[in-house]
């Protein structure tokens, strides 16, 4: 009888110790920037949790950084937003996603002020996503939500160290500014990209 009780107690104690010693999942924070629809935030959270093995939390809304504002086009520079997000994120947060309804842009080979869906730091802490261009082509709610999740998970993939992938259908494929490319992606990583990500088993 004592042996049985001891055995049960030992297993219970071991389970507690294992739980304490196990590495907690990375914390991914969604940072609403300016007014955004709560339903969109919830969809983003669900989309992340369906793919990545992370803990997701939603931070209180705050305004877009004034330092990132680009007056000539009345929009915000994604690079500037990312810099602020990465600098201000609490140490416990592994990745932070800026989420806004305002138009965002970056400087690339296409021009000084190129409008984009999102931007992520390669191997960094921050990325930013805008819903501004995701309703192109009069997308219905279902298509918009699919685009939203694909873009969020794509930019988050950059923060985990993934560059653009040449494999057709992979969610890390370069959209090259075309919403049709996003629509054609599977929303999931190819085998090579999957091997480098913390994914839900």
N, C-alpha and C. Protein backbone atom coordinates (compact mmCIF):
# COMPACT_ATOMS: atom_id res chain seq x y z
N UNK A 1 0.84 -1.20 0.00
CA UNK A 1 0.00 0.00 0.00
C UNK A 1 0.87 1.25 0.00
N UNK A 2 1.90 1.21 0.84
CA UNK A 2 2.80 2.35 0.91
C UNK A 2 3.53 2.54 -0.42
N UNK A 3 3.91 1.42 -1.05
CA UNK A 3 4.61 1.50 -2.32
C UNK A 3 3.73 2.19 -3.38
N UNK A 4 2.46 1.85 -3.39
CA UNK A 4 1.54 2.41 -4.37
C UNK A 4 1.37 3.91 -4.15
N UNK A 5 1.20 4.28 -2.88
CA UNK A 5 1.04 5.70 -2.56
C UNK A 5 2.29 6.48 -2.94
N UNK A 6 3.47 5.87 -2.61
CA UNK A 6 4.72 6.53 -2.94
C UNK A 6 4.86 6.70 -4.45
N UNK A 7 4.46 5.64 -5.20
CA UNK A 7 4.56 5.69 -6.65
C UNK A 7 3.70 6.78 -7.23
N UNK A 8 2.48 6.90 -6.77
CA UNK A 8 1.58 7.93 -7.24
C UNK A 8 2.11 9.31 -6.91
N UNK A 9 2.62 9.45 -5.69
CA UNK A 9 3.16 10.74 -5.26
C UNK A 9 4.37 11.14 -6.08
N UNK A 10 5.22 10.16 -6.38
CA UNK A 10 6.42 10.45 -7.17
C UNK A 10 6.05 10.92 -8.57
N UNK A 11 5.08 10.23 -9.19
CA UNK A 11 4.66 10.61 -10.54
C UNK A 11 4.05 12.01 -10.53
N UNK A 12 3.27 12.31 -9.50
CA UNK A 12 2.64 13.63 -9.40
C UNK A 12 3.72 14.70 -9.24
N UNK A 13 4.71 14.41 -8.36
CA UNK A 13 5.80 15.36 -8.14
C UNK A 13 6.60 15.57 -9.41
N UNK A 14 6.85 14.50 -10.16
CA UNK A 14 7.61 14.60 -11.40
C UNK A 14 6.87 15.43 -12.45
N UNK A 15 5.55 15.27 -12.50
CA UNK A 15 4.77 16.06 -13.46
C UNK A 15 4.83 17.54 -13.14
N UNK A 16 4.84 17.87 -11.85
CA UNK A 16 4.94 19.27 -11.45
C UNK A 16 6.30 19.85 -11.82
N UNK A 17 7.35 19.06 -11.54
CA UNK A 17 8.71 19.52 -11.85
C UNK A 17 8.88 19.69 -13.35
N UNK A 18 8.38 18.75 -14.12
CA UNK A 18 8.49 18.82 -15.58
C UNK A 18 7.79 20.06 -16.11
N UNK A 19 6.63 20.36 -15.54
CA UNK A 19 5.88 21.53 -15.98
C UNK A 19 6.61 22.81 -15.69
N UNK A 20 7.28 22.85 -14.55
CA UNK A 20 8.02 24.06 -14.16
C UNK A 20 9.26 24.24 -15.04
N UNK A 21 9.93 23.12 -15.34
CA UNK A 21 11.18 23.20 -16.08
C UNK A 21 10.98 23.37 -17.59
N UNK A 22 9.80 23.02 -18.08
CA UNK A 22 9.56 23.12 -19.52
C UNK A 22 9.60 24.58 -19.97
N UNK A 23 10.20 24.81 -21.13
CA UNK A 23 10.27 26.17 -21.65
C UNK A 23 8.87 26.66 -22.01
N UNK A 24 8.49 27.83 -21.54
CA UNK A 24 7.17 28.36 -21.90
C UNK A 24 7.17 28.76 -23.37
N UNK A 25 6.02 28.76 -24.01
CA UNK A 25 5.97 29.14 -25.43
C UNK A 25 6.28 30.63 -25.58
N UNK A 26 6.81 31.04 -26.72
CA UNK A 26 7.08 32.47 -26.95
C UNK A 26 5.78 33.27 -26.84
N UNK A 27 5.89 34.48 -26.31
CA UNK A 27 4.73 35.36 -26.19
C UNK A 27 4.67 36.28 -27.40
N UNK A 28 3.58 36.22 -28.13
CA UNK A 28 3.35 37.11 -29.27
C UNK A 28 2.26 38.09 -28.88
N UNK A 29 2.57 39.37 -28.94
CA UNK A 29 1.61 40.40 -28.57
C UNK A 29 1.05 41.11 -29.80
N UNK A 30 -0.25 41.27 -29.83
CA UNK A 30 -0.90 42.05 -30.88
C UNK A 30 -1.12 43.46 -30.34
N UNK A 31 -0.52 44.43 -31.00
CA UNK A 31 -0.61 45.83 -30.56
C UNK A 31 -1.51 46.61 -31.52
N UNK A 32 -2.79 46.82 -31.16
CA UNK A 32 -3.64 47.66 -32.01
C UNK A 32 -3.10 49.09 -32.05
N UNK A 33 -2.98 49.63 -33.24
CA UNK A 33 -2.47 50.99 -33.42
C UNK A 33 -3.58 51.84 -34.03
N UNK A 34 -4.19 52.67 -33.21
CA UNK A 34 -5.35 53.41 -33.65
C UNK A 34 -6.57 52.50 -33.64
N UNK A 35 -7.73 53.02 -34.00
CA UNK A 35 -8.95 52.23 -33.98
C UNK A 35 -8.90 51.06 -34.98
N UNK A 36 -9.17 49.87 -34.49
CA UNK A 36 -9.28 48.69 -35.34
C UNK A 36 -10.49 47.89 -34.86
N UNK A 37 -11.08 47.12 -35.75
CA UNK A 37 -12.25 46.34 -35.39
C UNK A 37 -11.87 45.17 -34.48
N UNK A 38 -12.63 45.02 -33.39
CA UNK A 38 -12.36 43.94 -32.45
C UNK A 38 -12.46 42.57 -33.11
N UNK A 39 -13.39 42.44 -34.03
CA UNK A 39 -13.54 41.16 -34.74
C UNK A 39 -12.29 40.82 -35.55
N UNK A 40 -11.64 41.85 -36.11
CA UNK A 40 -10.42 41.63 -36.88
C UNK A 40 -9.28 41.20 -35.95
N UNK A 41 -9.21 41.82 -34.78
CA UNK A 41 -8.18 41.47 -33.80
C UNK A 41 -8.36 40.00 -33.37
N UNK A 42 -9.59 39.62 -33.11
CA UNK A 42 -9.88 38.25 -32.70
C UNK A 42 -9.53 37.26 -33.80
N UNK A 43 -9.79 37.64 -35.04
CA UNK A 43 -9.46 36.77 -36.17
C UNK A 43 -7.95 36.61 -36.30
N UNK A 44 -7.23 37.68 -36.10
CA UNK A 44 -5.76 37.61 -36.14
C UNK A 44 -5.24 36.68 -35.06
N UNK A 45 -5.75 36.85 -33.84
CA UNK A 45 -5.31 36.00 -32.73
C UNK A 45 -5.59 34.53 -33.02
N UNK A 46 -6.79 34.22 -33.50
CA UNK A 46 -7.14 32.84 -33.81
C UNK A 46 -6.27 32.27 -34.93
N UNK A 47 -5.97 33.11 -35.91
CA UNK A 47 -5.14 32.68 -37.03
C UNK A 47 -3.72 32.35 -36.61
N UNK A 48 -3.18 33.15 -35.70
CA UNK A 48 -1.82 32.89 -35.19
C UNK A 48 -1.80 31.61 -34.38
N UNK A 49 -2.76 31.48 -33.48
CA UNK A 49 -2.80 30.31 -32.59
C UNK A 49 -3.06 29.01 -33.35
N UNK A 50 -3.69 29.09 -34.51
CA UNK A 50 -3.95 27.89 -35.30
C UNK A 50 -2.68 27.37 -35.99
N UNK A 51 -1.69 28.25 -36.17
CA UNK A 51 -0.47 27.86 -36.89
C UNK A 51 0.75 27.77 -35.98
N UNK A 52 0.95 28.77 -35.15
CA UNK A 52 2.17 28.85 -34.33
C UNK A 52 1.95 28.34 -32.90
N UNK A 53 2.98 27.67 -32.38
CA UNK A 53 2.96 27.21 -30.99
C UNK A 53 3.45 28.35 -30.10
N UNK A 54 2.60 29.33 -29.90
CA UNK A 54 2.94 30.52 -29.12
C UNK A 54 1.78 30.89 -28.22
N UNK A 55 2.06 31.77 -27.29
CA UNK A 55 1.01 32.34 -26.44
C UNK A 55 0.71 33.74 -26.96
N UNK A 56 -0.54 34.00 -27.29
CA UNK A 56 -0.91 35.28 -27.90
C UNK A 56 -1.70 36.13 -26.90
N UNK A 57 -1.34 37.39 -26.81
CA UNK A 57 -2.10 38.31 -25.99
C UNK A 57 -2.33 39.62 -26.75
N UNK A 58 -3.40 40.28 -26.42
CA UNK A 58 -3.75 41.53 -27.07
C UNK A 58 -3.48 42.69 -26.12
N UNK A 59 -2.69 43.65 -26.57
CA UNK A 59 -2.35 44.80 -25.75
C UNK A 59 -3.40 45.91 -25.92
N UNK A 60 -3.46 46.83 -24.97
CA UNK A 60 -4.38 47.95 -25.11
C UNK A 60 -4.04 48.81 -26.33
N UNK A 61 -5.05 49.34 -26.96
CA UNK A 61 -4.85 50.18 -28.14
C UNK A 61 -4.01 51.41 -27.80
N UNK A 62 -3.14 51.79 -28.74
CA UNK A 62 -2.41 53.05 -28.59
C UNK A 62 -2.27 53.69 -29.97
N UNK A 63 -1.98 54.98 -30.02
CA UNK A 63 -1.90 55.66 -31.32
C UNK A 63 -0.68 55.24 -32.12
N UNK A 64 -0.77 55.41 -33.42
CA UNK A 64 0.38 55.20 -34.28
C UNK A 64 1.46 56.21 -33.93
N UNK A 65 2.72 55.83 -34.00
CA UNK A 65 3.80 56.76 -33.65
C UNK A 65 3.88 57.95 -34.61
N UNK A 66 3.89 59.14 -34.05
CA UNK A 66 3.97 60.35 -34.88
C UNK A 66 5.25 60.38 -35.71
N UNK A 67 6.31 59.79 -35.18
CA UNK A 67 7.60 59.80 -35.88
C UNK A 67 7.55 59.02 -37.19
N UNK A 68 6.55 58.14 -37.35
CA UNK A 68 6.45 57.33 -38.56
C UNK A 68 5.50 57.92 -39.60
N UNK A 69 4.89 59.04 -39.28
CA UNK A 69 3.90 59.63 -40.20
C UNK A 69 4.59 60.22 -41.43
N UNK A 70 3.98 59.99 -42.60
CA UNK A 70 4.51 60.50 -43.87
C UNK A 70 3.47 61.42 -44.48
N UNK A 71 3.57 62.74 -44.22
CA UNK A 71 2.56 63.71 -44.67
C UNK A 71 2.24 63.73 -46.16
N UNK A 72 3.24 63.59 -47.05
CA UNK A 72 2.93 63.68 -48.49
C UNK A 72 1.86 62.70 -48.96
N UNK A 73 1.75 61.54 -48.30
CA UNK A 73 0.78 60.54 -48.70
C UNK A 73 -0.27 60.27 -47.60
N UNK A 74 -0.20 60.99 -46.51
CA UNK A 74 -1.11 60.79 -45.39
C UNK A 74 -1.14 59.32 -44.95
N UNK A 75 0.05 58.77 -44.80
CA UNK A 75 0.14 57.40 -44.33
C UNK A 75 1.38 57.24 -43.45
N UNK A 76 1.67 56.03 -43.04
CA UNK A 76 2.74 55.80 -42.08
C UNK A 76 3.82 54.87 -42.64
N UNK A 77 5.05 55.20 -42.33
CA UNK A 77 6.18 54.38 -42.75
C UNK A 77 6.29 53.14 -41.85
N UNK A 78 6.16 51.99 -42.47
CA UNK A 78 6.18 50.74 -41.71
C UNK A 78 7.49 50.55 -40.96
N UNK A 79 8.59 50.94 -41.58
CA UNK A 79 9.90 50.78 -40.92
C UNK A 79 9.95 51.55 -39.61
N UNK A 80 9.39 52.78 -39.64
CA UNK A 80 9.38 53.60 -38.43
C UNK A 80 8.49 53.01 -37.35
N UNK A 81 7.36 52.44 -37.75
CA UNK A 81 6.46 51.81 -36.78
C UNK A 81 7.16 50.63 -36.11
N UNK A 82 7.83 49.82 -36.91
CA UNK A 82 8.51 48.63 -36.40
C UNK A 82 9.60 49.01 -35.39
N UNK A 83 10.35 50.05 -35.69
CA UNK A 83 11.41 50.49 -34.79
C UNK A 83 10.85 50.85 -33.42
N UNK A 84 9.73 51.56 -33.41
CA UNK A 84 9.11 51.96 -32.15
C UNK A 84 8.56 50.74 -31.41
N UNK A 85 7.90 49.85 -32.12
CA UNK A 85 7.35 48.64 -31.49
C UNK A 85 8.44 47.80 -30.85
N UNK A 86 9.52 47.58 -31.57
CA UNK A 86 10.62 46.76 -31.05
C UNK A 86 11.26 47.39 -29.82
N UNK A 87 11.37 48.71 -29.83
CA UNK A 87 12.02 49.41 -28.72
C UNK A 87 11.14 49.45 -27.47
N UNK A 88 9.83 49.52 -27.67
CA UNK A 88 8.92 49.71 -26.53
C UNK A 88 8.33 48.41 -25.98
N UNK A 89 8.48 47.31 -26.67
CA UNK A 89 7.90 46.04 -26.21
C UNK A 89 8.54 45.59 -24.90
N UNK A 90 7.72 45.10 -24.00
CA UNK A 90 8.22 44.60 -22.71
C UNK A 90 9.15 43.40 -22.94
N UNK A 91 10.13 43.21 -22.06
CA UNK A 91 11.09 42.11 -22.23
C UNK A 91 10.46 40.73 -22.33
N UNK A 92 9.32 40.53 -21.67
CA UNK A 92 8.67 39.22 -21.69
C UNK A 92 8.05 38.89 -23.04
N UNK A 93 7.89 39.90 -23.89
CA UNK A 93 7.27 39.71 -25.21
C UNK A 93 8.33 39.32 -26.23
N UNK A 94 8.14 38.17 -26.87
CA UNK A 94 9.11 37.70 -27.87
C UNK A 94 8.90 38.40 -29.21
N UNK A 95 7.63 38.53 -29.60
CA UNK A 95 7.29 39.16 -30.87
C UNK A 95 6.11 40.09 -30.65
N UNK A 96 6.12 41.22 -31.35
CA UNK A 96 5.00 42.16 -31.26
C UNK A 96 4.52 42.50 -32.67
N UNK A 97 3.21 42.45 -32.85
CA UNK A 97 2.61 42.72 -34.15
C UNK A 97 1.81 44.01 -34.08
N UNK A 98 2.26 45.02 -34.80
CA UNK A 98 1.48 46.25 -34.90
C UNK A 98 0.32 46.01 -35.86
N UNK A 99 -0.88 46.38 -35.44
CA UNK A 99 -2.07 46.11 -36.25
C UNK A 99 -2.85 47.40 -36.44
N UNK A 100 -2.98 47.83 -37.70
CA UNK A 100 -3.61 49.11 -37.96
C UNK A 100 -4.53 49.05 -39.18
N UNK A 101 -5.46 49.99 -39.23
CA UNK A 101 -6.33 50.13 -40.39
C UNK A 101 -5.82 51.23 -41.33
N UNK A 102 -4.81 51.97 -40.90
CA UNK A 102 -4.24 53.03 -41.73
C UNK A 102 -3.29 52.46 -42.77
N UNK A 103 -3.12 53.19 -43.85
CA UNK A 103 -2.22 52.76 -44.93
C UNK A 103 -0.77 52.87 -44.45
N UNK A 104 0.06 51.91 -44.88
CA UNK A 104 1.47 51.91 -44.52
C UNK A 104 2.32 51.72 -45.78
N UNK A 105 3.59 52.13 -45.69
CA UNK A 105 4.47 52.04 -46.85
C UNK A 105 5.91 51.82 -46.40
N UNK A 106 6.76 51.53 -47.37
CA UNK A 106 8.18 51.37 -47.11
C UNK A 106 8.96 51.85 -48.33
N UNK A 107 10.26 51.92 -48.20
CA UNK A 107 11.13 52.26 -49.32
C UNK A 107 11.79 50.98 -49.82
N UNK A 108 11.62 50.70 -51.11
CA UNK A 108 12.24 49.51 -51.69
C UNK A 108 12.64 49.79 -53.14
N UNK A 109 12.93 48.75 -53.87
CA UNK A 109 13.36 48.92 -55.27
C UNK A 109 12.26 49.53 -56.14
N UNK A 110 11.01 49.42 -55.69
CA UNK A 110 9.90 49.94 -56.46
C UNK A 110 9.71 51.45 -56.29
N UNK A 111 10.27 51.99 -55.21
CA UNK A 111 10.11 53.43 -55.00
C UNK A 111 10.37 53.85 -53.57
N UNK A 112 10.40 55.16 -53.36
CA UNK A 112 10.67 55.72 -52.05
C UNK A 112 9.51 55.49 -51.08
N UNK A 113 8.31 55.45 -51.62
CA UNK A 113 7.13 55.31 -50.76
C UNK A 113 6.18 54.29 -51.38
N UNK A 114 6.43 53.03 -51.12
CA UNK A 114 5.71 51.93 -51.74
C UNK A 114 4.68 51.37 -50.75
N UNK A 115 3.39 51.45 -51.11
CA UNK A 115 2.34 50.95 -50.24
C UNK A 115 2.40 49.44 -50.10
N UNK A 116 2.22 48.95 -48.88
CA UNK A 116 2.37 47.51 -48.60
C UNK A 116 1.26 46.98 -47.69
N UNK A 117 1.16 45.65 -47.66
CA UNK A 117 0.21 44.98 -46.76
C UNK A 117 0.79 44.89 -45.35
N UNK A 118 2.09 44.63 -45.29
CA UNK A 118 2.74 44.45 -44.00
C UNK A 118 4.25 44.42 -44.16
N UNK A 119 4.95 44.46 -43.04
CA UNK A 119 6.42 44.44 -43.05
C UNK A 119 6.89 43.81 -41.75
N UNK A 120 7.92 42.96 -41.84
CA UNK A 120 8.44 42.32 -40.64
C UNK A 120 9.96 42.39 -40.58
N UNK A 121 10.49 42.49 -39.37
CA UNK A 121 11.94 42.47 -39.16
C UNK A 121 12.44 41.05 -39.34
N UNK A 122 13.38 40.84 -40.22
CA UNK A 122 13.93 39.51 -40.43
C UNK A 122 14.73 39.09 -39.20
N UNK A 123 14.22 38.10 -38.48
CA UNK A 123 14.88 37.63 -37.27
C UNK A 123 14.77 38.60 -36.11
N UNK A 124 13.86 39.56 -36.20
CA UNK A 124 13.71 40.56 -35.15
C UNK A 124 12.51 40.33 -34.26
N UNK A 125 12.06 41.39 -33.60
CA UNK A 125 10.97 41.27 -32.64
C UNK A 125 9.64 41.78 -33.17
N UNK A 126 9.66 42.63 -34.18
CA UNK A 126 8.44 43.35 -34.54
C UNK A 126 8.05 43.24 -36.01
N UNK A 127 6.77 43.37 -36.23
CA UNK A 127 6.23 43.46 -37.58
C UNK A 127 4.97 44.32 -37.51
N UNK A 128 4.50 44.76 -38.66
CA UNK A 128 3.29 45.58 -38.70
C UNK A 128 2.44 45.15 -39.88
N UNK A 129 1.13 45.15 -39.67
CA UNK A 129 0.17 44.74 -40.70
C UNK A 129 -0.92 45.79 -40.80
N UNK A 130 -1.34 46.08 -42.02
CA UNK A 130 -2.42 47.04 -42.24
C UNK A 130 -3.56 46.36 -42.99
N UNK A 131 -4.78 46.67 -42.60
CA UNK A 131 -5.94 46.12 -43.31
C UNK A 131 -6.32 46.99 -44.50
N UNK A 132 -5.65 48.12 -44.67
CA UNK A 132 -6.03 49.13 -45.66
C UNK A 132 -6.17 48.58 -47.07
N UNK A 133 -5.25 47.70 -47.48
CA UNK A 133 -5.23 47.19 -48.86
C UNK A 133 -5.80 45.77 -48.99
N UNK A 134 -6.27 45.21 -47.91
CA UNK A 134 -6.70 43.82 -47.94
C UNK A 134 -8.14 43.63 -48.41
N UNK A 135 -8.84 44.74 -48.63
CA UNK A 135 -10.22 44.64 -49.13
C UNK A 135 -10.27 44.91 -50.64
N UNK A 136 -9.10 44.92 -51.28
CA UNK A 136 -9.03 45.18 -52.72
C UNK A 136 -9.92 44.23 -53.50
N UNK A 137 -10.49 44.74 -54.60
CA UNK A 137 -11.35 43.91 -55.43
C UNK A 137 -12.70 43.64 -54.79
N UNK A 138 -13.08 44.53 -53.87
CA UNK A 138 -14.37 44.37 -53.16
C UNK A 138 -14.49 43.00 -52.51
N UNK A 139 -13.43 42.62 -51.80
CA UNK A 139 -13.40 41.32 -51.13
C UNK A 139 -14.52 41.19 -50.11
N UNK A 140 -15.16 40.05 -50.10
CA UNK A 140 -16.19 39.82 -49.08
C UNK A 140 -15.51 39.49 -47.75
N UNK A 141 -16.29 39.32 -46.70
CA UNK A 141 -15.74 39.12 -45.36
C UNK A 141 -14.84 37.89 -45.28
N UNK A 142 -15.25 36.81 -45.93
CA UNK A 142 -14.47 35.57 -45.87
C UNK A 142 -13.11 35.74 -46.54
N UNK A 143 -13.07 36.36 -47.70
CA UNK A 143 -11.81 36.57 -48.41
C UNK A 143 -10.92 37.54 -47.65
N UNK A 144 -11.51 38.60 -47.12
CA UNK A 144 -10.73 39.57 -46.34
C UNK A 144 -10.07 38.89 -45.15
N UNK A 145 -10.82 38.07 -44.41
CA UNK A 145 -10.27 37.40 -43.24
C UNK A 145 -9.16 36.43 -43.60
N UNK A 146 -9.32 35.74 -44.72
CA UNK A 146 -8.27 34.82 -45.17
C UNK A 146 -7.00 35.59 -45.50
N UNK A 147 -7.15 36.72 -46.19
CA UNK A 147 -6.00 37.55 -46.52
C UNK A 147 -5.32 38.06 -45.25
N UNK A 148 -6.12 38.49 -44.32
CA UNK A 148 -5.60 39.05 -43.08
C UNK A 148 -4.72 38.05 -42.34
N UNK A 149 -5.21 36.84 -42.18
CA UNK A 149 -4.45 35.81 -41.47
C UNK A 149 -3.18 35.44 -42.23
N UNK A 150 -3.26 35.34 -43.54
CA UNK A 150 -2.08 35.00 -44.34
C UNK A 150 -0.99 36.05 -44.18
N UNK A 151 -1.38 37.32 -44.25
CA UNK A 151 -0.40 38.40 -44.16
C UNK A 151 0.22 38.46 -42.76
N UNK A 152 -0.61 38.32 -41.74
CA UNK A 152 -0.10 38.33 -40.36
C UNK A 152 0.90 37.20 -40.15
N UNK A 153 0.54 35.99 -40.53
CA UNK A 153 1.43 34.85 -40.32
C UNK A 153 2.69 34.94 -41.18
N UNK A 154 2.57 35.55 -42.35
CA UNK A 154 3.73 35.77 -43.22
C UNK A 154 4.72 36.72 -42.54
N UNK A 155 4.23 37.85 -42.06
CA UNK A 155 5.14 38.82 -41.44
C UNK A 155 5.71 38.28 -40.13
N UNK A 156 4.92 37.52 -39.40
CA UNK A 156 5.43 36.89 -38.18
C UNK A 156 6.52 35.89 -38.53
N UNK A 157 6.37 35.21 -39.67
CA UNK A 157 7.40 34.28 -40.13
C UNK A 157 8.73 34.97 -40.35
N UNK A 158 8.69 36.21 -40.85
CA UNK A 158 9.93 36.97 -41.02
C UNK A 158 10.63 37.19 -39.68
N UNK A 159 9.84 37.49 -38.64
CA UNK A 159 10.46 37.74 -37.33
C UNK A 159 11.10 36.47 -36.76
N UNK A 160 10.63 35.31 -37.21
CA UNK A 160 11.23 34.05 -36.78
C UNK A 160 12.41 33.66 -37.68
N UNK A 161 12.82 34.56 -38.56
CA UNK A 161 14.03 34.36 -39.34
C UNK A 161 13.84 33.87 -40.76
N UNK A 162 12.60 33.75 -41.22
CA UNK A 162 12.37 33.27 -42.58
C UNK A 162 12.36 34.42 -43.58
N UNK A 163 13.11 34.25 -44.66
CA UNK A 163 13.07 35.20 -45.78
C UNK A 163 11.97 34.73 -46.73
N UNK A 164 11.79 35.42 -47.84
CA UNK A 164 10.78 34.99 -48.81
C UNK A 164 11.16 33.64 -49.40
N UNK A 165 10.13 32.85 -49.67
CA UNK A 165 10.33 31.48 -50.16
C UNK A 165 9.93 31.38 -51.63
N UNK A 166 10.72 30.66 -52.44
CA UNK A 166 10.40 30.51 -53.86
C UNK A 166 9.36 29.43 -54.15
N UNK A 167 8.99 28.66 -53.13
CA UNK A 167 8.04 27.56 -53.33
C UNK A 167 6.63 28.09 -53.52
N UNK A 168 6.02 27.79 -54.64
CA UNK A 168 4.66 28.24 -54.93
C UNK A 168 3.68 27.71 -53.89
N UNK A 169 2.83 28.60 -53.38
CA UNK A 169 1.83 28.21 -52.40
C UNK A 169 2.26 28.37 -50.97
N UNK A 170 3.58 28.42 -50.71
CA UNK A 170 4.08 28.60 -49.35
C UNK A 170 3.65 29.98 -48.84
N UNK A 171 3.30 30.06 -47.58
CA UNK A 171 2.83 31.34 -47.04
C UNK A 171 3.94 32.39 -46.93
N UNK A 172 5.19 31.96 -47.15
CA UNK A 172 6.30 32.90 -47.13
C UNK A 172 6.69 33.38 -48.53
N UNK A 173 5.87 33.05 -49.51
CA UNK A 173 6.11 33.52 -50.87
C UNK A 173 5.99 35.04 -50.92
N UNK A 174 6.83 35.69 -51.72
CA UNK A 174 6.81 37.14 -51.85
C UNK A 174 5.57 37.56 -52.65
N UNK A 175 4.74 38.41 -52.05
CA UNK A 175 3.52 38.85 -52.74
C UNK A 175 3.82 39.85 -53.84
N UNK A 176 5.02 40.44 -53.83
CA UNK A 176 5.43 41.47 -54.79
C UNK A 176 4.34 42.52 -55.00
N UNK A 177 3.66 42.86 -53.94
CA UNK A 177 2.66 43.91 -53.99
C UNK A 177 1.34 43.53 -54.63
N UNK A 178 1.15 42.25 -54.93
CA UNK A 178 -0.07 41.81 -55.61
C UNK A 178 -0.96 41.00 -54.67
N UNK A 179 -2.19 41.44 -54.50
CA UNK A 179 -3.11 40.74 -53.63
C UNK A 179 -3.46 39.37 -54.20
N UNK A 180 -3.34 39.22 -55.53
CA UNK A 180 -3.62 37.92 -56.16
C UNK A 180 -2.63 36.86 -55.68
N UNK A 181 -1.39 37.28 -55.40
CA UNK A 181 -0.39 36.34 -54.89
C UNK A 181 -0.79 35.85 -53.51
N UNK A 182 -1.26 36.77 -52.68
CA UNK A 182 -1.72 36.40 -51.34
C UNK A 182 -2.89 35.41 -51.44
N UNK A 183 -3.81 35.70 -52.34
CA UNK A 183 -4.98 34.83 -52.51
C UNK A 183 -4.57 33.43 -52.97
N UNK A 184 -3.49 33.35 -53.74
CA UNK A 184 -3.06 32.06 -54.27
C UNK A 184 -2.24 31.23 -53.30
N UNK A 185 -1.81 31.83 -52.21
CA UNK A 185 -1.01 31.10 -51.22
C UNK A 185 -1.89 30.17 -50.40
N UNK A 186 -1.29 29.10 -49.91
CA UNK A 186 -2.03 28.11 -49.13
C UNK A 186 -2.31 28.58 -47.71
N UNK A 187 -1.50 29.56 -47.24
CA UNK A 187 -1.63 29.99 -45.85
C UNK A 187 -0.80 29.14 -44.90
N UNK A 188 -0.08 28.16 -45.48
CA UNK A 188 0.75 27.27 -44.66
C UNK A 188 2.18 27.25 -45.22
N UNK A 189 3.15 26.89 -44.37
CA UNK A 189 4.54 26.84 -44.84
C UNK A 189 4.85 25.57 -45.61
N UNK A 190 5.79 25.68 -46.52
CA UNK A 190 6.29 24.48 -47.19
C UNK A 190 7.11 23.69 -46.16
N UNK A 191 7.55 22.50 -46.51
CA UNK A 191 8.26 21.65 -45.56
C UNK A 191 9.55 22.30 -45.06
N UNK A 192 10.27 22.96 -45.95
CA UNK A 192 11.53 23.60 -45.57
C UNK A 192 11.31 24.74 -44.58
N UNK A 193 10.31 25.57 -44.83
CA UNK A 193 10.01 26.68 -43.93
C UNK A 193 9.45 26.17 -42.61
N UNK A 194 8.61 25.14 -42.67
CA UNK A 194 7.99 24.59 -41.47
C UNK A 194 9.04 24.08 -40.48
N UNK A 195 10.14 23.55 -40.99
CA UNK A 195 11.19 23.00 -40.15
C UNK A 195 11.88 24.07 -39.31
N UNK A 196 11.70 25.34 -39.67
CA UNK A 196 12.39 26.42 -38.96
C UNK A 196 11.45 27.25 -38.09
N UNK A 197 10.21 26.79 -37.93
CA UNK A 197 9.22 27.57 -37.21
C UNK A 197 8.67 26.81 -35.99
N UNK A 198 8.26 27.54 -34.94
CA UNK A 198 7.59 26.89 -33.81
C UNK A 198 6.10 26.69 -34.14
N UNK A 199 5.77 25.56 -34.70
CA UNK A 199 4.41 25.33 -35.18
C UNK A 199 3.61 24.44 -34.24
N UNK A 200 2.30 24.58 -34.32
CA UNK A 200 1.40 23.71 -33.59
C UNK A 200 1.55 22.30 -34.15
N UNK A 201 1.70 21.34 -33.30
CA UNK A 201 1.89 19.95 -33.75
C UNK A 201 0.55 19.33 -34.15
